[in-house]
Amino acid sequence: MHKFVKALTLYSFTILCVPFATQAQETSTGQTPAFVVHKLTDFLYAIGEPNYYQKNYSYLLVGTDRALMFDSGANQKEDITSVVRNITDKPLSLLPSHLHFDHLGGLHNFQSIYLVDMPFTRQFKGKDDFYRVPEPVYLGNIDHMVVPPFKVARLIKPDETIDLGGLKVRLISVPGHTQDEVALFDETHNILLAGDHVYPSWLLAGNLKDYVASLDATLKVINEQTAIYGAHADEDPTRVPAMTYADVRAIRDKMVLIHAGRAKGEAFSDPELIKSSELYKVEKDISILTNIQFTDGRVYGY
């Protein structure tokens, strides 16, 4: 969950047209499309939401047998699965990077939902097999959103591999933003889908100790050639939010200093989301936020 200030594009991509989505949006509002699709590789697509204030990006992975969405977008009205069906007709599943409202907007459109298997997520399963995530976890009041109960088709353990047929990704647990934050690593193609773990703007730290440990673990998985894609864009919502190994290392180094009390922050607020916080500049326009209080008065962290 975030709002963004940075422009960075490191990897080439192709923008695909999504006519049915663009026509409805442009006719009713004159704005850009509800969803914009970028083809990153023959099997990986980034689906951006340029009209949404947090400029979310979700990712579609297409194997020979199945397709997987990493996050369901923030849009509660437009159906992101209709965009997917313009790309592939393979059986489709959804895996949220974490259980915040801006990654669950399209959850109700998916028939098959995966979830990281950990005590934090298992507590939401009821006796009727439906998962009910409480609002203080998904924070939906910020967007006037309610996450409906849902069933989980498959629980994925940390370090477990998801095989889509000719394409395998490993789920990596990366707590720090939230307890349940996960990333997906494609070792064969050296690609990391990072969710809200890292992206090129300001990062909301929910737990500094966990965040540092997760960044250390991430740096052991990736290398200087890894293509890294985050879940939120910068001030230009048409640019896929790409990161480098050096960016991740710089974030980790600054996070260590913050956790040790050896970094100097500054007061920061944002009228749409954050009432108050401490901001620590990393490099370029990448920053880390701590001691966060949202505009609705709630304190963020765990």
Protein backbone atom coordinates (compact mmCIF):
# COMPACT_ATOMS: atom_id res chain seq x y z
CA MET A 1 0.00 0.00 0.00
CA HIS A 2 1.46 3.28 -1.06
CA LYS A 3 1.52 6.50 -3.00
CA PHE A 4 4.41 7.30 -5.23
CA VAL A 5 6.89 9.96 -6.32
CA LYS A 6 9.57 8.40 -8.51
CA ALA A 7 10.06 7.64 -12.22
CA LEU A 8 12.27 4.66 -13.10
CA THR A 9 12.23 2.20 -16.00
CA LEU A 10 15.08 -0.28 -16.30
CA TYR A 11 13.74 -3.02 -18.55
CA SER A 12 12.12 -2.83 -21.95
CA PHE A 13 8.50 -3.80 -22.40
CA THR A 14 5.64 -3.58 -24.87
CA ILE A 15 2.33 -1.90 -24.12
CA LEU A 16 -0.60 -3.99 -25.30
CA CYS A 17 -4.03 -2.62 -26.11
CA VAL A 18 -7.00 -3.68 -23.99
CA PRO A 19 -9.86 -2.24 -26.07
CA PHE A 20 -12.89 -3.31 -24.03
CA ALA A 21 -11.43 -1.78 -20.87
CA THR A 22 -10.27 1.43 -22.49
CA GLN A 23 -13.51 2.21 -24.29
CA ALA A 24 -15.69 2.00 -21.19
CA GLN A 25 -13.34 4.09 -19.12
CA GLU A 26 -12.63 6.75 -21.74
CA THR A 27 -16.27 7.13 -22.69
CA SER A 28 -17.47 7.64 -19.12
CA THR A 29 -14.61 9.73 -17.72
CA GLY A 30 -12.30 10.81 -20.52
CA GLN A 31 -9.45 9.37 -18.49
CA THR A 32 -6.83 6.81 -19.36
CA PRO A 33 -7.92 3.13 -19.27
CA ALA A 34 -8.75 1.43 -16.00
CA PHE A 35 -5.99 -1.08 -16.76
CA VAL A 36 -2.89 -0.81 -18.94
CA VAL A 37 -1.04 -3.98 -19.93
CA HIS A 38 2.73 -4.18 -20.43
CA LYS A 39 4.26 -7.31 -21.94
CA LEU A 40 7.54 -7.85 -20.11
CA THR A 41 8.37 -11.28 -21.60
CA ASP A 42 6.53 -13.98 -23.52
CA PHE A 43 5.18 -15.30 -20.22
CA LEU A 44 5.04 -12.24 -17.92
CA TYR A 45 2.69 -9.26 -18.10
CA ALA A 46 2.41 -6.23 -15.83
CA ILE A 47 -1.12 -4.83 -15.43
CA GLY A 48 -1.12 -1.24 -14.18
CA GLU A 49 -3.92 0.93 -12.82
CA PRO A 50 -3.04 4.47 -13.95
CA ASN A 51 -6.17 6.13 -12.53
CA TYR A 52 -5.78 4.76 -9.00
CA TYR A 53 -4.03 7.05 -6.53
CA GLN A 54 -1.62 4.32 -5.40
CA LYS A 55 -0.83 3.35 -9.01
CA ASN A 56 -0.92 -0.38 -8.41
CA TYR A 57 0.73 -2.99 -10.60
CA SER A 58 -0.31 -6.63 -10.63
CA TYR A 59 1.49 -9.35 -12.59
CA LEU A 60 0.27 -12.19 -14.79
CA LEU A 61 2.42 -15.29 -15.24
CA VAL A 62 1.41 -17.65 -18.07
CA GLY A 63 2.71 -21.22 -18.22
CA THR A 64 1.80 -23.97 -20.64
CA ASP A 65 -0.76 -25.42 -18.23
CA ARG A 66 -1.93 -22.61 -15.96
CA ALA A 67 -1.83 -18.87 -15.41
CA LEU A 68 -1.24 -17.06 -12.11
CA MET A 69 -2.06 -13.51 -11.09
CA PHE A 70 0.18 -11.99 -8.43
CA ASP A 71 -2.27 -9.55 -6.78
CA SER A 72 -5.77 -8.79 -8.02
CA GLY A 73 -5.51 -5.03 -8.45
CA ALA A 74 -7.17 -2.28 -6.45
CA ASN A 75 -10.14 -1.66 -8.74
CA GLN A 76 -13.34 -2.96 -7.17
CA LYS A 77 -15.62 -2.31 -10.18
CA GLU A 78 -13.69 -3.14 -13.35
CA ASP A 79 -12.95 -6.86 -13.71
CA ILE A 80 -9.21 -7.45 -14.04
CA THR A 81 -9.84 -11.07 -15.09
CA SER A 82 -11.45 -9.75 -18.29
CA VAL A 83 -8.11 -8.12 -19.07
CA VAL A 84 -6.39 -11.43 -18.40
CA ARG A 85 -8.73 -13.24 -20.78
CA ASN A 86 -7.55 -10.98 -23.59
CA ILE A 87 -4.10 -12.49 -22.99
CA THR A 88 -4.70 -16.14 -22.12
CA ASP A 89 -7.48 -18.68 -21.73
CA LYS A 90 -5.44 -20.95 -19.41
CA PRO A 91 -6.94 -21.93 -16.02
CA LEU A 92 -6.34 -18.93 -13.77
CA SER A 93 -5.47 -18.57 -10.09
CA LEU A 94 -4.72 -15.59 -7.87
CA LEU A 95 -2.01 -15.21 -5.23
CA PRO A 96 -2.11 -11.96 -3.20
CA SER A 97 1.28 -10.54 -2.28
CA HIS A 98 -0.32 -9.65 1.08
CA LEU A 99 -3.74 -8.94 2.52
CA HIS A 100 -4.03 -5.16 2.11
CA PHE A 101 -7.10 -3.66 0.43
CA ASP A 102 -5.25 -2.21 -2.55
CA HIS A 103 -4.13 -5.70 -3.59
CA LEU A 104 -7.52 -7.36 -3.05
CA GLY A 105 -9.86 -5.14 -5.07
CA GLY A 106 -10.47 -7.78 -7.73
CA LEU A 107 -10.37 -10.79 -5.39
CA HIS A 108 -14.08 -11.52 -5.85
CA ASN A 109 -13.57 -12.08 -9.59
CA PHE A 110 -11.29 -15.10 -9.11
CA GLN A 111 -12.57 -18.67 -8.79
CA SER A 112 -9.21 -20.08 -7.66
CA ILE A 113 -7.29 -18.30 -4.90
CA TYR A 114 -3.89 -19.24 -3.48
CA LEU A 115 -2.60 -17.96 -0.14
CA VAL A 116 0.69 -18.17 1.73
CA ASP A 117 0.51 -20.94 4.34
CA MET A 118 1.48 -19.49 7.72
CA PRO A 119 -0.15 -19.15 11.16
CA PHE A 120 -1.08 -15.52 10.45
CA THR A 121 -3.18 -16.45 7.40
CA ARG A 122 -4.55 -19.76 8.70
CA GLN A 123 -6.25 -17.95 11.60
CA PHE A 124 -8.74 -16.41 9.16
CA LYS A 125 -10.20 -19.76 8.07
CA GLY A 126 -13.62 -20.55 9.50
CA LYS A 127 -15.30 -23.89 10.10
CA ASP A 128 -17.15 -23.45 6.80
CA ASP A 129 -13.75 -23.29 5.00
CA PHE A 130 -14.24 -19.61 4.13
CA TYR A 131 -11.49 -17.15 4.99
CA ARG A 132 -12.67 -13.93 6.66
CA VAL A 133 -9.97 -11.29 6.93
CA PRO A 134 -10.79 -8.61 9.52
CA GLU A 135 -10.82 -4.98 8.45
CA PRO A 136 -7.93 -3.98 10.77
CA VAL A 137 -5.79 -6.38 8.71
CA TYR A 138 -6.84 -5.38 5.19
CA LEU A 139 -7.50 -1.69 6.11
CA GLY A 140 -10.40 -1.41 3.69
CA ASN A 141 -12.05 1.56 5.39
CA ILE A 142 -9.40 3.76 3.77
CA ASP A 143 -10.97 3.01 0.37
CA HIS A 144 -14.51 2.30 1.60
CA MET A 145 -13.99 -1.33 0.69
CA VAL A 146 -15.16 -4.62 2.20
CA VAL A 147 -13.29 -7.84 1.41
CA PRO A 148 -15.88 -10.64 1.14
CA PRO A 149 -15.29 -14.13 2.57
CA PHE A 150 -13.41 -16.36 0.16
CA LYS A 151 -12.25 -19.95 -0.19
CA VAL A 152 -8.63 -20.89 -0.76
CA ALA A 153 -7.89 -23.50 -3.42
CA ARG A 154 -4.27 -23.98 -2.34
CA LEU A 155 -2.06 -22.94 0.54
CA ILE A 156 1.55 -22.28 -0.53
CA LYS A 157 4.30 -22.74 2.03
CA PRO A 158 7.32 -20.41 2.07
CA ASP A 159 9.99 -21.68 -0.36
CA GLU A 160 7.42 -23.87 -2.10
CA THR A 161 7.48 -23.89 -5.91
CA ILE A 162 4.42 -23.15 -8.02
CA ASP A 163 4.60 -25.04 -11.32
CA LEU A 164 2.54 -23.46 -14.09
CA GLY A 165 3.84 -25.83 -16.76
CA GLY A 166 7.18 -24.90 -18.28
CA LEU A 167 7.34 -22.00 -15.82
CA LYS A 168 8.16 -22.31 -12.13
CA VAL A 169 8.21 -19.62 -9.45
CA ARG A 170 9.21 -19.95 -5.80
CA LEU A 171 7.23 -18.23 -3.06
CA ILE A 172 9.47 -16.30 -0.69
CA SER A 173 8.20 -15.03 2.66
CA VAL A 174 9.38 -11.43 3.16
CA PRO A 175 7.70 -9.98 6.28
CA GLY A 176 8.36 -6.38 7.21
CA HIS A 177 5.74 -4.39 5.35
CA THR A 178 3.21 -6.90 6.70
CA GLN A 179 3.54 -10.27 8.39
CA ASP A 180 2.20 -12.09 5.34
CA GLU A 181 4.14 -10.24 2.61
CA VAL A 182 5.48 -12.58 -0.07
CA ALA A 183 7.50 -12.32 -3.28
CA LEU A 184 7.81 -14.68 -6.26
CA PHE A 185 11.19 -15.65 -7.70
CA ASP A 186 11.66 -17.16 -11.14
CA GLU A 187 15.16 -18.63 -10.91
CA THR A 188 15.28 -19.77 -14.52
CA HIS A 189 14.69 -16.29 -15.91
CA ASN A 190 16.15 -14.40 -12.91
CA ILE A 191 13.02 -12.35 -12.20
CA LEU A 192 11.70 -11.25 -8.79
CA LEU A 193 8.11 -10.08 -8.38
CA ALA A 194 8.48 -8.14 -5.15
CA GLY A 195 4.98 -6.94 -4.23
CA ASP A 196 5.20 -4.26 -1.52
CA HIS A 197 8.54 -5.62 -0.28
CA VAL A 198 10.53 -3.25 -2.51
CA TYR A 199 9.53 -0.73 -5.18
CA PRO A 200 10.93 2.64 -6.34
CA SER A 201 9.23 5.11 -3.99
CA TRP A 202 8.41 5.31 -0.28
CA LEU A 203 8.17 2.02 1.57
CA LEU A 204 5.91 1.55 4.60
CA ALA A 205 7.75 -0.32 7.33
CA GLY A 206 5.45 -2.36 9.54
CA ASN A 207 8.27 -4.03 11.49
CA LEU A 208 11.88 -2.89 11.08
CA LYS A 209 13.50 -6.03 12.52
CA ASP A 210 11.54 -8.30 10.17
CA TYR A 211 12.11 -5.97 7.24
CA VAL A 212 15.90 -6.03 7.68
CA ALA A 213 15.91 -9.83 7.92
CA SER A 214 13.77 -10.11 4.78
CA LEU A 215 16.00 -7.73 2.83
CA ASP A 216 19.04 -9.76 3.87
CA ALA A 217 17.32 -12.91 2.64
CA THR A 218 16.31 -11.24 -0.63
CA LEU A 219 19.88 -10.14 -1.35
CA LYS A 220 20.98 -13.77 -1.02
CA VAL A 221 18.43 -14.82 -3.65
CA ILE A 222 18.87 -12.11 -6.26
CA ASN A 223 21.98 -10.83 -8.06
CA GLU A 224 23.02 -7.78 -10.08
CA GLN A 225 21.29 -9.12 -13.20
CA THR A 226 17.94 -9.86 -11.54
CA ALA A 227 14.93 -8.06 -13.02
CA ILE A 228 12.90 -6.80 -10.05
CA TYR A 229 9.34 -5.53 -10.36
CA GLY A 230 7.34 -3.98 -7.52
CA ALA A 231 3.63 -3.50 -6.88
CA HIS A 232 3.34 0.30 -7.23
CA ALA A 233 4.41 2.79 -9.86
CA ASP A 234 5.83 6.26 -9.41
CA GLU A 235 4.54 9.64 -10.56
CA ASP A 236 4.29 8.23 -14.09
CA PRO A 237 1.74 5.40 -13.77
CA THR A 238 2.49 4.13 -17.28
CA ARG A 239 6.00 3.02 -16.26
CA VAL A 240 6.43 -0.44 -14.78
CA PRO A 241 8.03 -0.07 -11.30
CA ALA A 242 11.45 -1.67 -11.80
CA MET A 243 14.27 -2.00 -9.26
CA THR A 244 17.92 -3.05 -9.29
CA TYR A 245 20.06 -5.13 -6.95
CA ALA A 246 21.83 -1.91 -5.92
CA ASP A 247 18.49 -0.35 -4.97
CA VAL A 248 17.61 -3.28 -2.73
CA ARG A 249 21.04 -3.21 -1.10
CA ALA A 250 20.72 0.54 -0.44
CA ILE A 251 17.28 0.03 1.12
CA ARG A 252 18.67 -2.71 3.34
CA ASP A 253 21.62 -0.56 4.47
CA LYS A 254 19.36 2.38 5.36
CA MET A 255 16.90 0.08 7.14
CA VAL A 256 19.73 -1.26 9.32
CA LEU A 257 20.66 2.29 10.34
CA ILE A 258 17.04 3.18 11.10
CA HIS A 259 16.58 0.05 13.21
CA ALA A 260 19.77 0.85 15.13
CA GLY A 261 18.64 4.43 15.75
CA ARG A 262 21.53 5.85 13.72
CA ALA A 263 19.57 7.46 10.86
CA LYS A 264 18.08 10.94 10.76
CA GLY A 265 14.50 11.18 9.53
CA GLU A 266 12.14 14.03 8.77
CA ALA A 267 8.45 14.58 9.36
CA PHE A 268 6.28 13.52 6.45
CA SER A 269 2.55 13.50 5.69
CA ASP A 270 0.31 12.95 2.68
CA PRO A 271 -3.29 14.22 2.47
CA GLU A 272 -4.64 11.05 0.84
CA LEU A 273 -3.13 8.39 3.09
CA ILE A 274 -0.70 9.42 5.83
CA LYS A 275 -1.42 11.85 8.67
CA SER A 276 2.09 11.68 10.07
CA SER A 277 5.29 9.61 9.78
CA GLU A 278 9.08 9.72 9.81
CA LEU A 279 10.68 9.67 6.35
CA TYR A 280 14.22 8.44 5.71
CA LYS A 281 15.68 9.10 2.27
CA VAL A 282 17.56 6.18 0.72
CA GLU A 283 18.65 7.24 -2.78
CA LYS A 284 17.09 8.91 -5.77
CA ASP A 285 13.42 9.11 -4.73
CA ILE A 286 13.36 5.90 -2.68
CA SER A 287 12.43 6.49 0.96
CA ILE A 288 11.39 4.49 4.02
CA LEU A 289 8.51 5.52 6.26
CA THR A 290 8.24 4.57 9.94
CA ASN A 291 6.02 5.62 12.87
CA ILE A 292 3.12 5.85 10.45
CA GLN A 293 -0.32 7.14 11.34
CA PHE A 294 -2.96 6.98 8.61
CA THR A 295 -5.40 9.76 7.82
CA ASP A 296 -8.13 7.85 9.67
CA GLY A 297 -6.04 8.04 12.87
CA ARG A 298 -4.85 4.45 12.96
CA VAL A 299 -1.21 3.65 13.71
CA TYR A 300 0.46 1.27 11.27
CA GLY A 301 2.71 -1.62 12.25
CA TYR A 302 2.84 -5.02 13.92
